[in-house]
PDB file of N, CA and C in Angstrom:
ATOM      1  N   UNK A   1     -39.183 164.735 280.787  1.00  0.00           N
ATOM      2  CA  UNK A   1     -38.067 164.491 281.696  1.00  0.00           C
ATOM      3  C   UNK A   1     -38.558 163.621 282.850  1.00  0.00           C
ATOM      4  N   UNK A   2     -37.770 162.626 283.217  1.00  0.00           N
ATOM      5  CA  UNK A   2     -38.231 161.763 284.299  1.00  0.00           C
ATOM      6  C   UNK A   2     -37.869 162.359 285.662  1.00  0.00           C
ATOM      7  N   UNK A   3     -38.382 161.762 286.708  1.00  0.00           N
ATOM      8  CA  UNK A   3     -38.203 162.302 288.056  1.00  0.00           C
ATOM      9  C   UNK A   3     -36.751 162.301 288.508  1.00  0.00           C
ATOM     10  N   UNK A   4     -36.004 161.275 288.142  1.00  0.00           N
ATOM     11  CA  UNK A   4     -34.601 161.188 288.561  1.00  0.00           C
ATOM     12  C   UNK A   4     -33.781 162.299 287.918  1.00  0.00           C
ATOM     13  N   UNK A   5     -34.001 162.555 286.646  1.00  0.00           N
ATOM     14  CA  UNK A   5     -33.283 163.631 285.963  1.00  0.00           C
ATOM     15  C   UNK A   5     -33.642 164.984 286.575  1.00  0.00           C
ATOM     16  N   UNK A   6     -34.918 165.176 286.887  1.00  0.00           N
ATOM     17  CA  UNK A   6     -35.353 166.424 287.513  1.00  0.00           C
ATOM     18  C   UNK A   6     -34.704 166.581 288.880  1.00  0.00           C
ATOM     19  N   UNK A   7     -34.664 165.517 289.652  1.00  0.00           N
ATOM     20  CA  UNK A   7     -34.048 165.560 290.978  1.00  0.00           C
ATOM     21  C   UNK A   7     -32.554 165.870 290.881  1.00  0.00           C
ATOM     22  N   UNK A   8     -31.866 165.280 289.903  1.00  0.00           N
ATOM     23  CA  UNK A   8     -30.445 165.568 289.712  1.00  0.00           C
ATOM     24  C   UNK A   8     -30.220 167.030 289.355  1.00  0.00           C
ATOM     25  N   UNK A   9     -31.084 167.605 288.541  1.00  0.00           N
ATOM     26  CA  UNK A   9     -30.967 169.024 288.189  1.00  0.00           C
ATOM     27  C   UNK A   9     -31.184 169.900 289.417  1.00  0.00           C
ATOM     28  N   UNK A  10     -32.149 169.559 290.228  1.00  0.00           N
ATOM     29  CA  UNK A  10     -32.425 170.335 291.441  1.00  0.00           C
ATOM     30  C   UNK A  10     -31.241 170.260 292.391  1.00  0.00           C
ATOM     31  N   UNK A  11     -30.716 169.067 292.602  1.00  0.00           N
ATOM     32  CA  UNK A  11     -29.558 168.900 293.486  1.00  0.00           C
ATOM     33  C   UNK A  11     -28.356 169.654 292.941  1.00  0.00           C
ATOM     34  N   UNK A  12     -28.133 169.587 291.634  1.00  0.00           N
ATOM     35  CA  UNK A  12     -27.036 170.323 291.021  1.00  0.00           C
ATOM     36  C   UNK A  12     -27.180 171.829 291.216  1.00  0.00           C
ATOM     37  N   UNK A  13     -28.398 172.329 291.072  1.00  0.00           N
ATOM     38  CA  UNK A  13     -28.654 173.749 291.274  1.00  0.00           C
ATOM     39  C   UNK A  13     -28.389 174.155 292.715  1.00  0.00           C
ATOM     40  N   UNK A  14     -28.832 173.363 293.661  1.00  0.00           N
ATOM     41  CA  UNK A  14     -28.606 173.655 295.078  1.00  0.00           C
ATOM     42  C   UNK A  14     -27.116 173.647 295.390  1.00  0.00           C
ATOM     43  N   UNK A  15     -26.366 172.672 294.842  1.00  0.00           N
ATOM     44  CA  UNK A  15     -24.917 172.625 295.050  1.00  0.00           C
ATOM     45  C   UNK A  15     -24.238 173.858 294.470  1.00  0.00           C
ATOM     46  N   UNK A  16     -24.734 174.321 293.326  1.00  0.00           N
ATOM     47  CA  UNK A  16     -24.140 175.487 292.668  1.00  0.00           C
ATOM     48  C   UNK A  16     -24.356 176.757 293.485  1.00  0.00           C
ATOM     49  N   UNK A  17     -25.581 176.997 293.931  1.00  0.00           N
ATOM     50  CA  UNK A  17     -25.846 178.237 294.662  1.00  0.00           C
ATOM     51  C   UNK A  17     -25.278 178.223 296.077  1.00  0.00           C
ATOM     52  N   UNK A  18     -25.066 177.038 296.637  1.00  0.00           N
ATOM     53  CA  UNK A  18     -24.502 176.954 297.986  1.00  0.00           C
ATOM     54  C   UNK A  18     -22.972 176.953 297.975  1.00  0.00           C
ATOM     55  N   UNK A  19     -22.368 176.767 296.790  1.00  0.00           N
ATOM     56  CA  UNK A  19     -20.905 176.724 296.708  1.00  0.00           C
ATOM     57  C   UNK A  19     -20.333 175.347 296.959  1.00  0.00           C
ATOM     58  N   UNK A  20     -21.188 174.362 297.099  1.00  0.00           N
ATOM     59  CA  UNK A  20     -20.730 173.008 297.387  1.00  0.00           C
ATOM     60  C   UNK A  20     -19.980 172.386 296.210  1.00  0.00           C
ATOM     61  N   UNK A  21     -20.202 172.908 295.010  1.00  0.00           N
ATOM     62  CA  UNK A  21     -19.517 172.375 293.836  1.00  0.00           C
ATOM     63  C   UNK A  21     -18.272 173.188 293.462  1.00  0.00           C
ATOM     64  N   UNK A  22     -17.752 173.980 294.389  1.00  0.00           N
ATOM     65  CA  UNK A  22     -16.624 174.870 294.097  1.00  0.00           C
ATOM     66  C   UNK A  22     -15.392 174.093 293.632  1.00  0.00           C
ATOM     67  N   UNK A  23     -15.108 172.958 294.239  1.00  0.00           N
ATOM     68  CA  UNK A  23     -13.923 172.195 293.846  1.00  0.00           C
ATOM     69  C   UNK A  23     -14.074 171.638 292.436  1.00  0.00           C
ATOM     70  N   UNK A  24     -15.255 171.160 292.101  1.00  0.00           N
ATOM     71  CA  UNK A  24     -15.483 170.653 290.749  1.00  0.00           C
ATOM     72  C   UNK A  24     -15.356 171.779 289.719  1.00  0.00           C
ATOM     73  N   UNK A  25     -15.870 172.980 290.047  1.00  0.00           N
ATOM     74  CA  UNK A  25     -15.720 174.121 289.149  1.00  0.00           C
ATOM     75  C   UNK A  25     -14.252 174.532 289.032  1.00  0.00           C
ATOM     76  N   UNK A  26     -13.509 174.478 290.147  1.00  0.00           N
ATOM     77  CA  UNK A  26     -12.074 174.775 290.120  1.00  0.00           C
ATOM     78  C   UNK A  26     -11.339 173.797 289.200  1.00  0.00           C
ATOM     79  N   UNK A  27     -11.636 172.510 289.318  1.00  0.00           N
ATOM     80  CA  UNK A  27     -10.973 171.513 288.471  1.00  0.00           C
ATOM     81  C   UNK A  27     -11.283 171.744 286.991  1.00  0.00           C
ATOM     82  N   UNK A  28     -12.531 172.039 286.674  1.00  0.00           N
ATOM     83  CA  UNK A  28     -12.889 172.292 285.281  1.00  0.00           C
ATOM     84  C   UNK A  28     -12.125 173.504 284.749  1.00  0.00           C
ATOM     85  N   UNK A  29     -12.052 174.567 285.543  1.00  0.00           N
ATOM     86  CA  UNK A  29     -11.310 175.766 285.133  1.00  0.00           C
ATOM     87  C   UNK A  29      -9.825 175.448 284.990  1.00  0.00           C
ATOM     88  N   UNK A  30      -9.281 174.729 285.947  1.00  0.00           N
ATOM     89  CA  UNK A  30      -7.852 174.413 285.922  1.00  0.00           C
ATOM     90  C   UNK A  30      -7.499 173.608 284.671  1.00  0.00           C
ATOM     91  N   UNK A  31      -8.286 172.605 284.367  1.00  0.00           N
ATOM     92  CA  UNK A  31      -8.006 171.779 283.191  1.00  0.00           C
ATOM     93  C   UNK A  31      -8.149 172.574 281.891  1.00  0.00           C
ATOM     94  N   UNK A  32      -9.058 173.530 281.878  1.00  0.00           N
ATOM     95  CA  UNK A  32      -9.266 174.318 280.671  1.00  0.00           C
ATOM     96  C   UNK A  32      -8.188 175.384 280.470  1.00  0.00           C
ATOM     97  N   UNK A  33      -7.705 175.986 281.569  1.00  0.00           N
ATOM     98  CA  UNK A  33      -6.815 177.136 281.445  1.00  0.00           C
ATOM     99  C   UNK A  33      -5.386 176.923 281.934  1.00  0.00           C
ATOM    100  N   UNK A  34      -5.133 175.967 282.801  1.00  0.00           N
ATOM    101  CA  UNK A  34      -3.825 175.873 283.441  1.00  0.00           C
ATOM    102  C   UNK A  34      -3.119 174.536 283.280  1.00  0.00           C
ATOM    103  N   UNK A  35      -3.737 173.566 282.706  1.00  0.00           N
ATOM    104  CA  UNK A  35      -3.186 172.211 282.658  1.00  0.00           C
ATOM    105  C   UNK A  35      -1.842 172.149 281.944  1.00  0.00           C
ATOM    106  N   UNK A  36      -1.658 172.945 280.910  1.00  0.00           N
ATOM    107  CA  UNK A  36      -0.410 172.886 280.153  1.00  0.00           C
ATOM    108  C   UNK A  36       0.726 173.626 280.840  1.00  0.00           C
ATOM    109  N   UNK A  37       0.423 174.644 281.643  1.00  0.00           N
ATOM    110  CA  UNK A  37       1.472 175.444 282.264  1.00  0.00           C
ATOM    111  C   UNK A  37       1.906 174.919 283.629  1.00  0.00           C
ATOM    112  N   UNK A  38       1.029 174.299 284.349  1.00  0.00           N
ATOM    113  CA  UNK A  38       1.312 173.886 285.714  1.00  0.00           C
ATOM    114  C   UNK A  38       1.309 172.363 285.814  1.00  0.00           C
ATOM    115  N   UNK A  39       1.836 171.845 286.940  1.00  0.00           N
ATOM    116  CA  UNK A  39       1.919 170.410 287.121  1.00  0.00           C
ATOM    117  C   UNK A  39       0.595 169.751 287.419  1.00  0.00           C
ATOM    118  N   UNK A  40       0.126 169.893 288.632  1.00  0.00           N
ATOM    119  CA  UNK A  40      -1.090 169.216 289.089  1.00  0.00           C
ATOM    120  C   UNK A  40      -1.999 170.220 289.780  1.00  0.00           C
ATOM    121  N   UNK A  41      -3.311 170.031 289.707  1.00  0.00           N
ATOM    122  CA  UNK A  41      -4.218 170.910 290.453  1.00  0.00           C
ATOM    123  C   UNK A  41      -4.136 170.607 291.945  1.00  0.00           C
ATOM    124  N   UNK A  42      -4.658 171.520 292.743  1.00  0.00           N
ATOM    125  CA  UNK A  42      -4.690 171.305 294.189  1.00  0.00           C
ATOM    126  C   UNK A  42      -5.568 170.100 294.519  1.00  0.00           C
ATOM    127  N   UNK A  43      -5.240 169.449 295.607  1.00  0.00           N
ATOM    128  CA  UNK A  43      -6.115 168.384 296.094  1.00  0.00           C
ATOM    129  C   UNK A  43      -7.364 169.033 296.689  1.00  0.00           C
ATOM    130  N   UNK A  44      -8.378 168.228 296.908  1.00  0.00           N
ATOM    131  CA  UNK A  44      -9.609 168.758 297.509  1.00  0.00           C
ATOM    132  C   UNK A  44      -9.318 169.372 298.888  1.00  0.00           C
ATOM    133  N   UNK A  45      -8.480 168.711 299.680  1.00  0.00           N
ATOM    134  CA  UNK A  45      -8.148 169.223 301.009  1.00  0.00           C
ATOM    135  C   UNK A  45      -7.382 170.539 300.923  1.00  0.00           C
ATOM    136  N   UNK A  46      -6.409 170.625 300.018  1.00  0.00           N
ATOM    137  CA  UNK A  46      -5.633 171.854 299.857  1.00  0.00           C
ATOM    138  C   UNK A  46      -6.517 172.991 299.350  1.00  0.00           C
ATOM    139  N   UNK A  47      -7.421 172.681 298.424  1.00  0.00           N
ATOM    140  CA  UNK A  47      -8.342 173.689 297.908  1.00  0.00           C
ATOM    141  C   UNK A  47      -9.233 174.215 299.030  1.00  0.00           C
ATOM    142  N   UNK A  48      -9.788 173.313 299.827  1.00  0.00           N
ATOM    143  CA  UNK A  48     -10.662 173.721 300.926  1.00  0.00           C
ATOM    144  C   UNK A  48      -9.901 174.586 301.925  1.00  0.00           C
ATOM    145  N   UNK A  49      -8.675 174.182 302.265  1.00  0.00           N
ATOM    146  CA  UNK A  49      -7.865 174.947 303.215  1.00  0.00           C
ATOM    147  C   UNK A  49      -7.578 176.343 302.674  1.00  0.00           C
ATOM    148  N   UNK A  50      -7.212 176.453 301.397  1.00  0.00           N
ATOM    149  CA  UNK A  50      -6.930 177.754 300.793  1.00  0.00           C
ATOM    150  C   UNK A  50      -8.177 178.636 300.792  1.00  0.00           C
ATOM    151  N   UNK A  51      -9.334 178.053 300.509  1.00  0.00           N
ATOM    152  CA  UNK A  51     -10.576 178.819 300.515  1.00  0.00           C
ATOM    153  C   UNK A  51     -10.905 179.331 301.910  1.00  0.00           C
ATOM    154  N   UNK A  52     -10.686 178.501 302.926  1.00  0.00           N
ATOM    155  CA  UNK A  52     -10.958 178.917 304.299  1.00  0.00           C
ATOM    156  C   UNK A  52      -9.999 180.013 304.744  1.00  0.00           C
ATOM    157  N   UNK A  53      -8.729 179.880 304.382  1.00  0.00           N
ATOM    158  CA  UNK A  53      -7.754 180.906 304.745  1.00  0.00           C
ATOM    159  C   UNK A  53      -8.084 182.231 304.064  1.00  0.00           C
ATOM    160  N   UNK A  54      -8.459 182.175 302.796  1.00  0.00           N
ATOM    161  CA  UNK A  54      -8.816 183.393 302.072  1.00  0.00           C
ATOM    162  C   UNK A  54     -10.042 184.056 302.696  1.00  0.00           C
ATOM    163  N   UNK A  55     -10.977 183.243 303.114  1.00  0.00           N
ATOM    164  CA  UNK A  55     -12.220 183.778 303.686  1.00  0.00           C
ATOM    165  C   UNK A  55     -12.018 184.377 305.062  1.00  0.00           C
ATOM    166  N   UNK A  56     -11.178 183.757 305.900  1.00  0.00           N
ATOM    167  CA  UNK A  56     -11.119 184.144 307.302  1.00  0.00           C
ATOM    168  C   UNK A  56      -9.872 184.898 307.728  1.00  0.00           C
ATOM    169  N   UNK A  57      -8.820 184.945 306.924  1.00  0.00           N
ATOM    170  CA  UNK A  57      -7.607 185.672 307.312  1.00  0.00           C
ATOM    171  C   UNK A  57      -7.738 187.141 306.973  1.00  0.00           C
ATOM    172  N   UNK A  58      -7.136 187.962 307.826  1.00  0.00           N
ATOM    173  CA  UNK A  58      -7.160 189.404 307.583  1.00  0.00           C
ATOM    174  C   UNK A  58      -8.336 190.066 308.270  1.00  0.00           C
ATOM    175  N   UNK A  59      -8.318 191.364 308.261  1.00  0.00           N
ATOM    176  CA  UNK A  59      -9.379 192.148 308.891  1.00  0.00           C
ATOM    177  C   UNK A  59     -10.596 192.111 307.973  1.00  0.00           C
ATOM    178  N   UNK A  60     -11.727 191.731 308.520  1.00  0.00           N
ATOM    179  CA  UNK A  60     -12.963 191.619 307.748  1.00  0.00           C
ATOM    180  C   UNK A  60     -14.075 192.486 308.340  1.00  0.00           C
ATOM    181  N   UNK A  61     -13.692 193.549 308.987  1.00  0.00           N
ATOM    182  CA  UNK A  61     -14.720 194.396 309.574  1.00  0.00           C
ATOM    183  C   UNK A  61     -14.430 195.855 309.261  1.00  0.00           C
ATOM    184  N   UNK A  62     -15.369 196.687 309.488  1.00  0.00           N
ATOM    185  CA  UNK A  62     -15.210 198.103 309.121  1.00  0.00           C
ATOM    186  C   UNK A  62     -14.600 198.927 310.239  1.00  0.00           C
ATOM    187  N   UNK A  63     -14.704 198.520 311.479  1.00  0.00           N
ATOM    188  CA  UNK A  63     -14.243 199.347 312.605  1.00  0.00           C
ATOM    189  C   UNK A  63     -13.122 198.694 313.391  1.00  0.00           C
TER     190      UNK A  63
END
């Protein structure tokens, strides 16, 4: 394996564990499971906004 391929694998792994590739994973899932039933997938901005709202809305503490 050459250095560029190794570097791409490392970068891909870092993106995966950090969640940076979440939109790409969402698109792959959407095309595989929802493309025939629904119109269009969310835009990157709409996806990011929905993820932020899900993460930060509501009570997130124990006390």
